[in-house]
Amino acid sequence: MANVNAIEYPPYYEPYVQLVGFKNLFNSLESSINELLQYCNKLSNQQGLFKYAAGKWSIKEITQHLIDVERIFCYRALSISRGDTAFKSFDHNQYVISCNADYRPLTDLLKEIEIVRKSTIQLFNSFDTSMLQKTGFIENNNITANAIGFIIAGHQLHHTKIIKDRYLSVL
């Protein structure tokens, strides 16, 4: 599981996978969450409400988005590894609208994302090579359990970069 091949996932996920590169998945999962926590643990609850522009998500909403997406993708990886292969897409914007993240303490959200990531690492550590190579379908697009791990890490790196570049540069 040291790398992933582009045929393992839909092209839509390429930018996320590129952020991880050909690094070890477990190292990427650990280092990416540490980077996010390094930036966000310094923020006050009030700063967690910051939006750099109208219509953008707050830092709290981004954190909840990361939690939700990681849980959904872990479910998909688990399901694929067990032979369940067909999934519908989901509306991540609707999830954020419905999450009420801005009413939660930032510290709680950061604890939760850290716990979710530890669970993700344990889940992927439980998969053997044959489980990782199994293929499922999201709206008729092939995806392997292995690729999902890289997408999780890359998706979080993508949002960490946005937090760093567009939020923390102003705060």
Protein backbone atom coordinates (compact mmCIF):
# COMPACT_ATOMS: atom_id res chain seq x y z
CA MET A 1 0.00 0.00 0.00
CA ALA A 2 2.94 2.30 -0.59
CA ASN A 3 1.29 3.93 -3.58
CA VAL A 4 -1.79 4.15 -5.73
CA ASN A 5 -2.35 3.94 -9.48
CA ALA A 6 -4.51 6.47 -11.35
CA ILE A 7 -6.73 3.64 -12.66
CA GLU A 8 -7.86 3.00 -9.07
CA TYR A 9 -9.98 6.15 -8.74
CA PRO A 10 -12.06 8.60 -10.80
CA PRO A 11 -10.14 11.54 -12.33
CA TYR A 12 -12.12 13.91 -10.08
CA TYR A 13 -9.94 12.80 -7.13
CA GLU A 14 -6.60 13.33 -8.90
CA PRO A 15 -5.83 16.68 -7.19
CA TYR A 16 -6.22 15.04 -3.76
CA VAL A 17 -4.08 12.04 -4.63
CA GLN A 18 -1.41 14.33 -6.09
CA LEU A 19 -1.16 16.15 -2.75
CA VAL A 20 -0.22 12.85 -1.10
CA GLY A 21 2.06 11.77 -3.94
CA PHE A 22 3.66 8.37 -3.67
CA LYS A 23 4.24 8.58 0.05
CA ASN A 24 3.35 5.83 2.48
CA LEU A 25 -0.38 6.05 3.20
CA PHE A 26 -0.04 5.65 6.97
CA ASN A 27 2.65 8.32 7.21
CA SER A 28 0.48 10.63 5.10
CA LEU A 29 -2.59 10.04 7.24
CA GLU A 30 -0.62 10.80 10.41
CA SER A 31 1.36 13.77 9.14
CA SER A 32 -1.63 15.43 7.49
CA ILE A 33 -3.76 15.35 10.64
CA ASN A 34 -0.82 16.64 12.68
CA GLU A 35 -0.44 19.57 10.28
CA LEU A 36 -4.13 20.47 10.54
CA LEU A 37 -4.05 20.27 14.33
CA GLN A 38 -0.84 22.31 14.48
CA TYR A 39 -2.63 25.20 12.77
CA CYS A 40 -6.08 24.89 14.29
CA ASN A 41 -5.20 24.10 17.92
CA LYS A 42 -3.83 27.66 18.19
CA LEU A 43 -7.19 29.19 17.26
CA SER A 44 -9.80 30.48 19.65
CA ASN A 45 -13.40 29.36 19.42
CA GLN A 46 -14.25 32.78 17.96
CA GLN A 47 -11.56 32.44 15.29
CA GLY A 48 -13.10 29.09 14.36
CA LEU A 49 -16.15 31.04 13.16
CA PHE A 50 -14.09 33.10 10.70
CA LYS A 51 -15.05 33.05 7.02
CA TYR A 52 -12.64 34.74 4.61
CA ALA A 53 -15.49 35.71 2.25
CA ALA A 54 -19.26 35.72 2.09
CA GLY A 55 -20.66 32.30 1.25
CA LYS A 56 -17.52 30.44 2.38
CA TRP A 57 -17.40 27.91 5.18
CA SER A 58 -16.05 28.75 8.62
CA ILE A 59 -13.04 26.89 9.98
CA LYS A 60 -15.44 24.95 12.20
CA GLU A 61 -17.55 24.00 9.18
CA ILE A 62 -14.46 22.90 7.25
CA THR A 63 -13.45 20.74 10.21
CA GLN A 64 -16.91 19.15 10.39
CA HIS A 65 -16.82 18.65 6.61
CA LEU A 66 -13.52 16.79 6.96
CA ILE A 67 -14.99 14.61 9.72
CA ASP A 68 -18.10 13.78 7.69
CA VAL A 69 -16.24 13.04 4.46
CA GLU A 70 -13.68 10.87 6.22
CA ARG A 71 -16.44 8.82 7.87
CA ILE A 72 -18.26 8.39 4.57
CA PHE A 73 -15.11 7.33 2.75
CA CYS A 74 -14.13 4.92 5.53
CA TYR A 75 -17.57 3.32 5.26
CA ARG A 76 -17.03 2.99 1.52
CA ALA A 77 -13.55 1.47 1.95
CA LEU A 78 -14.86 -0.99 4.55
CA SER A 79 -17.79 -1.91 2.33
CA ILE A 80 -15.61 -2.42 -0.73
CA SER A 81 -13.18 -4.56 1.26
CA ARG A 82 -16.10 -6.79 2.26
CA GLY A 83 -17.56 -7.09 -1.24
CA ASP A 84 -20.28 -4.40 -1.22
CA THR A 85 -19.49 -2.33 -4.26
CA ALA A 86 -22.11 0.24 -5.33
CA PHE A 87 -22.39 3.73 -3.81
CA LYS A 88 -24.19 6.93 -4.65
CA SER A 89 -22.48 10.29 -4.42
CA PHE A 90 -23.50 12.69 -1.67
CA ASP A 91 -24.01 16.43 -1.49
CA HIS A 92 -21.19 17.70 0.73
CA ASN A 93 -22.66 21.22 0.67
CA GLN A 94 -25.94 19.94 2.14
CA TYR A 95 -24.00 18.14 4.86
CA VAL A 96 -22.30 21.41 5.85
CA ILE A 97 -25.58 23.32 5.81
CA SER A 98 -27.08 20.72 8.17
CA CYS A 99 -24.12 20.15 10.51
CA ASN A 100 -24.43 23.06 13.00
CA ALA A 101 -20.64 23.07 13.40
CA ASP A 102 -20.54 26.75 14.29
CA TYR A 103 -22.47 25.98 17.49
CA ARG A 104 -19.90 23.43 18.66
CA PRO A 105 -16.68 24.31 20.49
CA LEU A 106 -13.71 24.26 18.13
CA THR A 107 -11.81 22.12 20.64
CA ASP A 108 -14.53 19.44 20.42
CA LEU A 109 -14.36 19.39 16.63
CA LEU A 110 -10.57 19.06 16.70
CA LYS A 111 -10.74 16.20 19.23
CA GLU A 112 -13.31 14.48 17.05
CA ILE A 113 -11.30 14.76 13.85
CA GLU A 114 -8.25 13.39 15.65
CA ILE A 115 -10.26 10.41 16.92
CA VAL A 116 -11.78 9.80 13.49
CA ARG A 117 -8.30 9.83 11.92
CA LYS A 118 -7.00 7.31 14.47
CA SER A 119 -9.95 5.11 13.59
CA THR A 120 -9.20 5.54 9.87
CA ILE A 121 -5.62 4.44 10.39
CA GLN A 122 -6.78 1.39 12.35
CA LEU A 123 -9.29 0.52 9.63
CA PHE A 124 -6.74 0.69 6.82
CA ASN A 125 -4.23 -1.19 8.94
CA SER A 126 -6.76 -4.03 9.20
CA PHE A 127 -6.98 -4.47 5.43
CA ASP A 128 -4.76 -7.02 3.71
CA THR A 129 -3.54 -6.55 0.14
CA SER A 130 -6.48 -8.35 -1.44
CA MET A 131 -8.97 -6.18 0.46
CA LEU A 132 -7.20 -3.00 -0.62
CA GLN A 133 -7.25 -4.08 -4.26
CA LYS A 134 -11.01 -4.70 -4.34
CA THR A 135 -12.95 -2.32 -6.55
CA GLY A 136 -16.24 -0.56 -5.93
CA PHE A 137 -18.22 2.01 -7.86
CA ILE A 138 -19.32 5.52 -6.96
CA GLU A 139 -21.93 6.57 -9.53
CA ASN A 140 -20.41 4.09 -12.03
CA ASN A 141 -16.82 5.26 -11.45
CA ASN A 142 -14.28 2.63 -10.34
CA ILE A 143 -12.56 3.13 -7.00
CA THR A 144 -10.45 0.79 -4.88
CA ALA A 145 -10.35 0.62 -1.11
CA ASN A 146 -6.65 1.50 -1.39
CA ALA A 147 -7.36 4.69 -3.38
CA ILE A 148 -9.87 5.82 -0.77
CA GLY A 149 -7.12 6.03 1.84
CA PHE A 150 -5.08 8.32 -0.39
CA ILE A 151 -8.15 10.41 -1.19
CA ILE A 152 -8.89 10.86 2.53
CA ALA A 153 -5.36 12.10 3.21
CA GLY A 154 -5.30 14.33 0.12
CA HIS A 155 -8.74 15.80 0.77
CA GLN A 156 -7.64 16.83 4.23
CA LEU A 157 -4.35 18.27 2.89
CA HIS A 158 -6.37 20.28 0.36
CA HIS A 159 -8.50 21.85 3.09
CA THR A 160 -5.53 22.39 5.40
CA LYS A 161 -3.86 24.39 2.63
CA ILE A 162 -7.01 26.48 2.22
CA ILE A 163 -7.14 27.13 5.98
CA LYS A 164 -3.47 28.12 5.98
CA ASP A 165 -3.59 30.31 2.86
CA ARG A 166 -7.03 31.93 3.07
CA TYR A 167 -7.92 31.93 6.76
CA LEU A 168 -4.77 32.03 8.87
CA SER A 169 -3.14 34.62 6.65
CA VAL A 170 -5.94 37.01 7.65
CA LEU A 171 -6.44 36.02 11.30
